[in-house]
Amino acid sequence: MASETADPVIELYKASIDRTLLRENLRLTPEERVRNLQRLQTLAEAAREAGAARRRQR
């Protein structure tokens, strides 16, 4: 049986989560999710490399 009162900690977290993005991601196939993750990792690596190159220029 569900509790009548909501946990305030959970409610606080829920207030800051964009559930539309979660739903959108859940509509994707597992393969599409993996491809998106791979693109994100590629972008993160490029950002790290750009940051390192910038720091070397100083």
N, C-alpha and C. Protein backbone atom coordinates (compact mmCIF):
# COMPACT_ATOMS: atom_id res chain seq x y z
N MET A 1 0.84 -1.17 0.00
CA MET A 1 0.00 0.00 0.00
C MET A 1 0.89 1.24 0.00
N ALA A 2 0.56 2.22 -0.80
CA ALA A 2 1.34 3.46 -0.88
C ALA A 2 1.07 4.33 0.35
N SER A 3 2.10 5.00 0.76
CA SER A 3 1.98 5.89 1.90
C SER A 3 1.18 7.13 1.51
N GLU A 4 0.39 7.63 2.44
CA GLU A 4 -0.40 8.83 2.20
C GLU A 4 0.47 10.09 2.11
N THR A 5 1.60 10.09 2.81
CA THR A 5 2.49 11.25 2.79
C THR A 5 3.70 10.94 1.93
N ALA A 6 4.06 11.89 1.10
CA ALA A 6 5.22 11.73 0.23
C ALA A 6 6.50 12.03 1.01
N ASP A 7 7.56 11.34 0.65
CA ASP A 7 8.86 11.57 1.26
C ASP A 7 9.36 12.94 0.79
N PRO A 8 9.64 13.86 1.69
CA PRO A 8 10.06 15.20 1.28
C PRO A 8 11.37 15.21 0.50
N VAL A 9 12.26 14.28 0.79
CA VAL A 9 13.53 14.22 0.05
C VAL A 9 13.27 13.82 -1.40
N ILE A 10 12.43 12.83 -1.59
CA ILE A 10 12.09 12.40 -2.96
C ILE A 10 11.38 13.53 -3.70
N GLU A 11 10.47 14.19 -3.05
CA GLU A 11 9.76 15.30 -3.68
C GLU A 11 10.72 16.42 -4.08
N LEU A 12 11.73 16.67 -3.26
CA LEU A 12 12.72 17.69 -3.57
C LEU A 12 13.51 17.31 -4.81
N TYR A 13 13.93 16.06 -4.91
CA TYR A 13 14.64 15.60 -6.10
C TYR A 13 13.75 15.66 -7.34
N LYS A 14 12.51 15.23 -7.21
CA LYS A 14 11.59 15.21 -8.35
C LYS A 14 11.37 16.61 -8.91
N ALA A 15 11.41 17.61 -8.06
CA ALA A 15 11.17 18.98 -8.52
C ALA A 15 12.26 19.46 -9.47
N SER A 16 13.46 18.89 -9.38
CA SER A 16 14.57 19.36 -10.21
C SER A 16 14.89 18.43 -11.37
N ILE A 17 14.03 17.46 -11.64
CA ILE A 17 14.26 16.51 -12.72
C ILE A 17 13.31 16.81 -13.87
N ASP A 18 13.86 16.92 -15.07
CA ASP A 18 13.05 17.12 -16.26
C ASP A 18 12.61 15.75 -16.76
N ARG A 19 11.42 15.34 -16.38
CA ARG A 19 10.94 14.01 -16.74
C ARG A 19 10.63 13.88 -18.22
N THR A 20 10.46 15.00 -18.94
CA THR A 20 10.21 14.90 -20.37
C THR A 20 11.43 14.31 -21.07
N LEU A 21 12.63 14.65 -20.61
CA LEU A 21 13.84 14.08 -21.20
C LEU A 21 13.95 12.59 -20.90
N LEU A 22 13.55 12.19 -19.72
CA LEU A 22 13.56 10.76 -19.38
C LEU A 22 12.60 9.99 -20.28
N ARG A 23 11.40 10.54 -20.44
CA ARG A 23 10.41 9.86 -21.29
C ARG A 23 10.89 9.77 -22.73
N GLU A 24 11.48 10.87 -23.21
CA GLU A 24 11.99 10.88 -24.59
C GLU A 24 13.06 9.81 -24.77
N ASN A 25 13.94 9.69 -23.81
CA ASN A 25 15.00 8.69 -23.90
C ASN A 25 14.43 7.27 -23.84
N LEU A 26 13.41 7.06 -23.04
CA LEU A 26 12.82 5.73 -22.92
C LEU A 26 12.08 5.30 -24.18
N ARG A 27 11.73 6.25 -25.04
CA ARG A 27 11.10 5.90 -26.32
C ARG A 27 12.10 5.34 -27.32
N LEU A 28 13.38 5.58 -27.08
CA LEU A 28 14.42 5.10 -27.99
C LEU A 28 14.66 3.61 -27.79
N THR A 29 15.18 2.99 -28.84
CA THR A 29 15.57 1.58 -28.71
C THR A 29 16.89 1.53 -27.94
N PRO A 30 17.23 0.38 -27.40
CA PRO A 30 18.53 0.27 -26.72
C PRO A 30 19.70 0.65 -27.64
N GLU A 31 19.62 0.27 -28.92
CA GLU A 31 20.68 0.62 -29.87
C GLU A 31 20.80 2.13 -30.04
N GLU A 32 19.66 2.82 -30.10
CA GLU A 32 19.68 4.28 -30.23
C GLU A 32 20.27 4.93 -28.98
N ARG A 33 19.96 4.38 -27.84
CA ARG A 33 20.53 4.92 -26.59
C ARG A 33 22.04 4.75 -26.55
N VAL A 34 22.52 3.60 -27.01
CA VAL A 34 23.96 3.37 -27.04
C VAL A 34 24.62 4.34 -28.01
N ARG A 35 24.03 4.53 -29.18
CA ARG A 35 24.60 5.48 -30.15
C ARG A 35 24.65 6.89 -29.57
N ASN A 36 23.59 7.30 -28.88
CA ASN A 36 23.58 8.62 -28.25
C ASN A 36 24.68 8.72 -27.19
N LEU A 37 24.86 7.68 -26.41
CA LEU A 37 25.92 7.67 -25.40
C LEU A 37 27.29 7.76 -26.05
N GLN A 38 27.48 7.04 -27.15
CA GLN A 38 28.77 7.08 -27.85
C GLN A 38 29.04 8.49 -28.38
N ARG A 39 28.01 9.14 -28.92
CA ARG A 39 28.19 10.52 -29.40
C ARG A 39 28.53 11.46 -28.25
N LEU A 40 27.88 11.27 -27.12
CA LEU A 40 28.17 12.10 -25.95
C LEU A 40 29.60 11.88 -25.47
N GLN A 41 30.06 10.64 -25.47
CA GLN A 41 31.43 10.36 -25.06
C GLN A 41 32.44 10.98 -26.02
N THR A 42 32.13 10.94 -27.31
CA THR A 42 33.00 11.57 -28.31
C THR A 42 33.07 13.08 -28.07
N LEU A 43 31.93 13.69 -27.81
CA LEU A 43 31.89 15.13 -27.52
C LEU A 43 32.68 15.46 -26.25
N ALA A 44 32.52 14.65 -25.22
CA ALA A 44 33.24 14.89 -23.96
C ALA A 44 34.75 14.78 -24.17
N GLU A 45 35.18 13.80 -24.95
CA GLU A 45 36.60 13.65 -25.23
C GLU A 45 37.14 14.84 -26.01
N ALA A 46 36.38 15.31 -26.98
CA ALA A 46 36.80 16.49 -27.74
C ALA A 46 36.91 17.71 -26.84
N ALA A 47 35.98 17.86 -25.91
CA ALA A 47 36.03 18.99 -24.97
C ALA A 47 37.25 18.88 -24.07
N ARG A 48 37.56 17.67 -23.60
CA ARG A 48 38.76 17.48 -22.76
C ARG A 48 40.02 17.83 -23.54
N GLU A 49 40.10 17.36 -24.78
CA GLU A 49 41.27 17.64 -25.61
C GLU A 49 41.40 19.13 -25.89
N ALA A 50 40.28 19.80 -26.16
CA ALA A 50 40.32 21.24 -26.42
C ALA A 50 40.77 21.99 -25.17
N GLY A 51 40.29 21.57 -24.01
CA GLY A 51 40.70 22.20 -22.76
C GLY A 51 42.18 22.00 -22.50
N ALA A 52 42.67 20.81 -22.74
CA ALA A 52 44.10 20.53 -22.54
C ALA A 52 44.94 21.36 -23.50
N ALA A 53 44.51 21.47 -24.77
CA ALA A 53 45.25 22.26 -25.75
C ALA A 53 45.28 23.73 -25.34
N ARG A 54 44.16 24.21 -24.83
CA ARG A 54 44.09 25.62 -24.39
C ARG A 54 45.02 25.86 -23.21
N ARG A 55 45.05 24.92 -22.28
CA ARG A 55 45.92 25.08 -21.11
C ARG A 55 47.40 25.06 -21.53
N ARG A 56 47.73 24.25 -22.53
CA ARG A 56 49.13 24.21 -23.02
C ARG A 56 49.53 25.52 -23.68
N GLN A 57 48.59 26.26 -24.24
CA GLN A 57 48.89 27.52 -24.92
C GLN A 57 49.26 28.63 -23.95
N ARG A 58 48.89 28.52 -22.72
CA ARG A 58 49.12 29.60 -21.73
C ARG A 58 50.57 29.71 -21.40
